């Protein structure tokens, strides 16, 4: 099942980077996407590694992301992340 969300990019947060447990370098940028319509919502969408350079996003752009939705448990609490793997400008 492919999940898509669309809206306007409101904020691009600073890039984060590091080294994984497997000694691999990683990069991540989070963007705040605001949906359109009667009840707009803001969502934080992560973009990883080479996709950061591929997407070349700017604040104010209207985009549609294809995303992976993942939830995981940590110390009895659940956390959900949205990660974009495709971006179309609309």
N, C-alpha and C. Protein backbone atom coordinates (compact mmCIF):
# COMPACT_ATOMS: atom_id res chain seq x y z
N UNK A 1 0.84 -1.18 0.00
CA UNK A 1 0.00 0.00 0.00
C UNK A 1 0.89 1.24 0.00
N UNK A 2 0.65 2.12 -0.95
CA UNK A 2 1.42 3.36 -1.03
C UNK A 2 0.65 4.46 -0.30
N UNK A 3 1.33 5.17 0.57
CA UNK A 3 0.72 6.27 1.31
C UNK A 3 1.29 7.58 0.79
N UNK A 4 0.38 8.52 0.48
CA UNK A 4 0.81 9.83 -0.03
C UNK A 4 0.20 10.93 0.82
N UNK A 5 0.98 11.99 1.00
CA UNK A 5 0.47 13.20 1.64
C UNK A 5 0.96 14.39 0.82
N UNK A 6 0.16 15.44 0.81
CA UNK A 6 0.55 16.62 0.04
C UNK A 6 0.29 17.87 0.86
N UNK A 7 1.01 18.92 0.51
CA UNK A 7 0.85 20.19 1.21
C UNK A 7 1.97 21.13 0.86
N UNK A 8 2.14 22.13 1.71
CA UNK A 8 3.15 23.17 1.52
C UNK A 8 4.24 22.99 2.57
N UNK A 9 5.50 23.08 2.14
CA UNK A 9 6.62 22.99 3.08
C UNK A 9 6.71 24.30 3.84
N UNK A 10 6.56 24.24 5.16
CA UNK A 10 6.60 25.43 6.01
C UNK A 10 7.97 25.66 6.64
N UNK A 11 8.67 24.57 6.98
CA UNK A 11 9.97 24.69 7.65
C UNK A 11 10.86 23.54 7.20
N UNK A 12 12.14 23.82 7.03
CA UNK A 12 13.14 22.77 6.82
C UNK A 12 14.11 22.85 7.98
N UNK A 13 14.12 21.82 8.80
CA UNK A 13 14.96 21.80 9.99
C UNK A 13 16.41 21.49 9.62
N UNK A 14 17.36 21.84 10.48
CA UNK A 14 18.78 21.59 10.19
C UNK A 14 19.07 20.10 9.98
N UNK A 15 20.03 19.83 9.11
CA UNK A 15 20.43 18.45 8.83
C UNK A 15 21.06 17.82 10.06
N UNK A 16 20.74 16.56 10.28
CA UNK A 16 21.36 15.76 11.33
C UNK A 16 22.18 14.67 10.66
N UNK A 17 23.28 14.28 11.27
CA UNK A 17 24.10 13.21 10.70
C UNK A 17 24.81 12.47 11.81
N UNK A 18 25.31 11.31 11.46
CA UNK A 18 26.02 10.51 12.45
C UNK A 18 26.51 9.21 11.86
N UNK A 19 26.92 8.31 12.74
CA UNK A 19 27.41 6.98 12.37
C UNK A 19 26.53 5.96 13.08
N UNK A 20 26.01 4.98 12.34
CA UNK A 20 25.13 3.96 12.90
C UNK A 20 25.92 2.93 13.71
N UNK A 21 25.21 2.04 14.39
CA UNK A 21 25.85 0.95 15.14
C UNK A 21 26.69 0.06 14.23
N UNK A 22 26.28 -0.03 12.95
CA UNK A 22 27.01 -0.85 11.98
C UNK A 22 28.14 -0.07 11.30
N UNK A 23 28.44 1.12 11.84
CA UNK A 23 29.54 1.96 11.35
C UNK A 23 29.26 2.55 9.96
N UNK A 24 27.99 2.80 9.65
CA UNK A 24 27.61 3.43 8.38
C UNK A 24 27.22 4.88 8.65
N UNK A 25 27.65 5.78 7.77
CA UNK A 25 27.27 7.19 7.90
C UNK A 25 25.81 7.36 7.48
N UNK A 26 25.10 8.26 8.17
CA UNK A 26 23.72 8.56 7.81
C UNK A 26 23.48 10.06 7.90
N UNK A 27 22.48 10.54 7.14
CA UNK A 27 22.05 11.94 7.15
C UNK A 27 20.53 11.96 7.17
N UNK A 28 19.98 13.00 7.81
CA UNK A 28 18.52 13.13 7.88
C UNK A 28 18.16 14.60 7.97
N UNK A 29 17.12 14.98 7.21
CA UNK A 29 16.54 16.31 7.29
C UNK A 29 15.04 16.13 7.53
N UNK A 30 14.51 16.85 8.50
CA UNK A 30 13.07 16.83 8.76
C UNK A 30 12.46 18.10 8.18
N UNK A 31 11.32 17.94 7.50
CA UNK A 31 10.59 19.09 6.98
C UNK A 31 9.20 19.10 7.60
N UNK A 32 8.69 20.29 7.85
CA UNK A 32 7.33 20.44 8.36
C UNK A 32 6.44 20.74 7.17
N UNK A 33 5.50 19.83 6.93
CA UNK A 33 4.57 19.92 5.82
C UNK A 33 3.20 20.29 6.37
N UNK A 34 2.57 21.31 5.80
CA UNK A 34 1.22 21.71 6.22
C UNK A 34 0.24 21.32 5.13
N UNK A 35 -0.73 20.48 5.49
CA UNK A 35 -1.74 20.06 4.52
C UNK A 35 -2.68 21.21 4.23
N UNK A 36 -3.41 21.09 3.14
CA UNK A 36 -4.35 22.14 2.75
C UNK A 36 -5.77 21.65 3.01
N UNK A 37 -6.71 22.58 3.00
CA UNK A 37 -8.11 22.21 3.20
C UNK A 37 -8.71 22.96 4.35
N UNK A 38 -9.90 22.55 4.76
CA UNK A 38 -10.64 23.23 5.82
C UNK A 38 -9.93 23.14 7.17
N UNK A 39 -9.28 22.01 7.43
CA UNK A 39 -8.60 21.79 8.71
C UNK A 39 -7.15 21.38 8.44
N UNK A 40 -6.29 22.35 8.11
CA UNK A 40 -4.90 22.00 7.80
C UNK A 40 -4.18 21.41 9.01
N UNK A 41 -3.31 20.46 8.72
CA UNK A 41 -2.51 19.80 9.75
C UNK A 41 -1.04 19.96 9.40
N UNK A 42 -0.20 20.01 10.42
CA UNK A 42 1.24 20.05 10.21
C UNK A 42 1.81 18.69 10.56
N UNK A 43 2.73 18.20 9.71
CA UNK A 43 3.36 16.90 9.91
C UNK A 43 4.86 17.03 9.71
N UNK A 44 5.61 16.30 10.49
CA UNK A 44 7.06 16.25 10.33
C UNK A 44 7.39 15.03 9.48
N UNK A 45 8.04 15.26 8.33
CA UNK A 45 8.40 14.19 7.40
C UNK A 45 9.91 14.14 7.30
N UNK A 46 10.48 12.98 7.50
CA UNK A 46 11.93 12.81 7.42
C UNK A 46 12.37 12.46 6.01
N UNK A 47 13.53 12.99 5.65
CA UNK A 47 14.14 12.67 4.37
C UNK A 47 15.56 12.21 4.68
N UNK A 48 15.93 11.07 4.11
CA UNK A 48 17.21 10.45 4.48
C UNK A 48 18.21 10.40 3.34
N UNK A 49 19.46 10.49 3.70
CA UNK A 49 20.63 10.22 2.87
C UNK A 49 20.57 10.88 1.49
N UNK A 50 20.71 10.10 0.41
CA UNK A 50 20.80 10.66 -0.95
C UNK A 50 19.53 11.40 -1.37
N UNK A 51 18.39 11.08 -0.77
CA UNK A 51 17.13 11.74 -1.14
C UNK A 51 17.17 13.24 -0.78
N UNK A 52 17.98 13.61 0.21
CA UNK A 52 18.11 15.03 0.58
C UNK A 52 18.58 15.83 -0.63
N UNK A 53 19.63 15.34 -1.29
CA UNK A 53 20.17 16.03 -2.46
C UNK A 53 19.26 15.87 -3.68
N UNK A 54 18.61 14.73 -3.80
CA UNK A 54 17.73 14.46 -4.93
C UNK A 54 16.50 15.39 -4.91
N UNK A 55 15.87 15.56 -3.75
CA UNK A 55 14.63 16.33 -3.66
C UNK A 55 14.87 17.84 -3.76
N UNK A 56 15.96 18.36 -3.19
CA UNK A 56 16.29 19.79 -3.20
C UNK A 56 15.06 20.66 -2.87
N UNK A 57 14.54 20.51 -1.68
CA UNK A 57 13.31 21.19 -1.28
C UNK A 57 13.55 22.61 -0.81
N UNK A 58 12.52 23.44 -0.96
CA UNK A 58 12.55 24.83 -0.52
C UNK A 58 11.27 25.15 0.24
N UNK A 59 11.39 26.03 1.22
CA UNK A 59 10.22 26.48 1.98
C UNK A 59 9.25 27.15 1.01
N UNK A 60 7.96 26.84 1.17
CA UNK A 60 6.91 27.43 0.34
C UNK A 60 6.50 26.58 -0.84
N UNK A 61 7.25 25.52 -1.16
CA UNK A 61 6.89 24.66 -2.29
C UNK A 61 5.69 23.78 -1.94
N UNK A 62 4.84 23.53 -2.95
CA UNK A 62 3.74 22.57 -2.82
C UNK A 62 4.26 21.24 -3.34
N UNK A 63 4.18 20.20 -2.51
CA UNK A 63 4.71 18.89 -2.86
C UNK A 63 3.74 17.78 -2.49
N UNK A 64 3.97 16.63 -3.10
CA UNK A 64 3.28 15.40 -2.70
C UNK A 64 4.37 14.38 -2.41
N UNK A 65 4.37 13.87 -1.18
CA UNK A 65 5.34 12.86 -0.77
C UNK A 65 4.69 11.49 -0.79
N UNK A 66 5.43 10.49 -1.26
CA UNK A 66 5.11 9.09 -1.01
C UNK A 66 5.92 8.73 0.22
N UNK A 67 5.27 8.18 1.24
CA UNK A 67 5.94 8.00 2.52
C UNK A 67 5.82 6.57 3.05
N UNK A 68 6.79 6.21 3.87
CA UNK A 68 6.74 5.01 4.70
C UNK A 68 6.32 5.46 6.08
N UNK A 69 5.37 4.74 6.67
CA UNK A 69 4.92 5.02 8.03
C UNK A 69 5.39 3.87 8.90
N UNK A 70 6.11 4.19 9.97
CA UNK A 70 6.64 3.15 10.85
C UNK A 70 6.43 3.54 12.30
N UNK A 71 5.98 2.59 13.10
CA UNK A 71 5.84 2.80 14.54
C UNK A 71 6.74 1.80 15.26
N UNK A 72 7.31 2.25 16.37
CA UNK A 72 8.15 1.37 17.17
C UNK A 72 7.98 1.70 18.65
N UNK A 73 8.23 0.70 19.46
CA UNK A 73 8.07 0.84 20.91
C UNK A 73 9.44 1.04 21.54
N UNK A 74 9.50 1.96 22.50
CA UNK A 74 10.72 2.19 23.26
C UNK A 74 10.32 2.51 24.69
N UNK A 75 10.73 1.65 25.61
CA UNK A 75 10.46 1.81 27.03
C UNK A 75 8.98 2.04 27.31
N UNK A 76 8.14 1.24 26.69
CA UNK A 76 6.70 1.27 26.95
C UNK A 76 5.93 2.36 26.23
N UNK A 77 6.61 3.17 25.43
CA UNK A 77 5.93 4.22 24.66
C UNK A 77 6.10 3.92 23.18
N UNK A 78 5.12 4.36 22.39
CA UNK A 78 5.16 4.14 20.95
C UNK A 78 5.46 5.44 20.22
N UNK A 79 6.32 5.34 19.19
CA UNK A 79 6.72 6.49 18.39
C UNK A 79 6.47 6.16 16.92
N UNK A 80 5.94 7.13 16.18
CA UNK A 80 5.65 6.95 14.76
C UNK A 80 6.48 7.93 13.95
N UNK A 81 7.05 7.43 12.84
CA UNK A 81 7.83 8.30 11.96
C UNK A 81 7.30 8.20 10.53
N UNK A 82 7.38 9.32 9.82
CA UNK A 82 7.02 9.40 8.41
C UNK A 82 8.31 9.68 7.65
N UNK A 83 8.65 8.84 6.69
CA UNK A 83 9.87 9.01 5.91
C UNK A 83 9.52 9.04 4.43
N UNK A 84 9.91 10.10 3.74
CA UNK A 84 9.59 10.26 2.31
C UNK A 84 10.59 9.49 1.46
N UNK A 85 10.07 8.77 0.45
CA UNK A 85 10.94 8.10 -0.50
C UNK A 85 10.71 8.57 -1.93
N UNK A 86 9.69 9.39 -2.15
CA UNK A 86 9.43 9.99 -3.45
C UNK A 86 8.81 11.37 -3.24
N UNK A 87 9.15 12.32 -4.11
CA UNK A 87 8.62 13.67 -3.99
C UNK A 87 8.24 14.18 -5.38
N UNK A 88 7.00 14.68 -5.50
CA UNK A 88 6.53 15.32 -6.73
C UNK A 88 6.10 16.73 -6.39
N UNK A 89 6.54 17.69 -7.17
CA UNK A 89 6.08 19.06 -6.98
C UNK A 89 4.73 19.21 -7.66
N UNK A 90 3.80 19.88 -6.97
CA UNK A 90 2.45 20.04 -7.52
C UNK A 90 2.09 21.50 -7.64
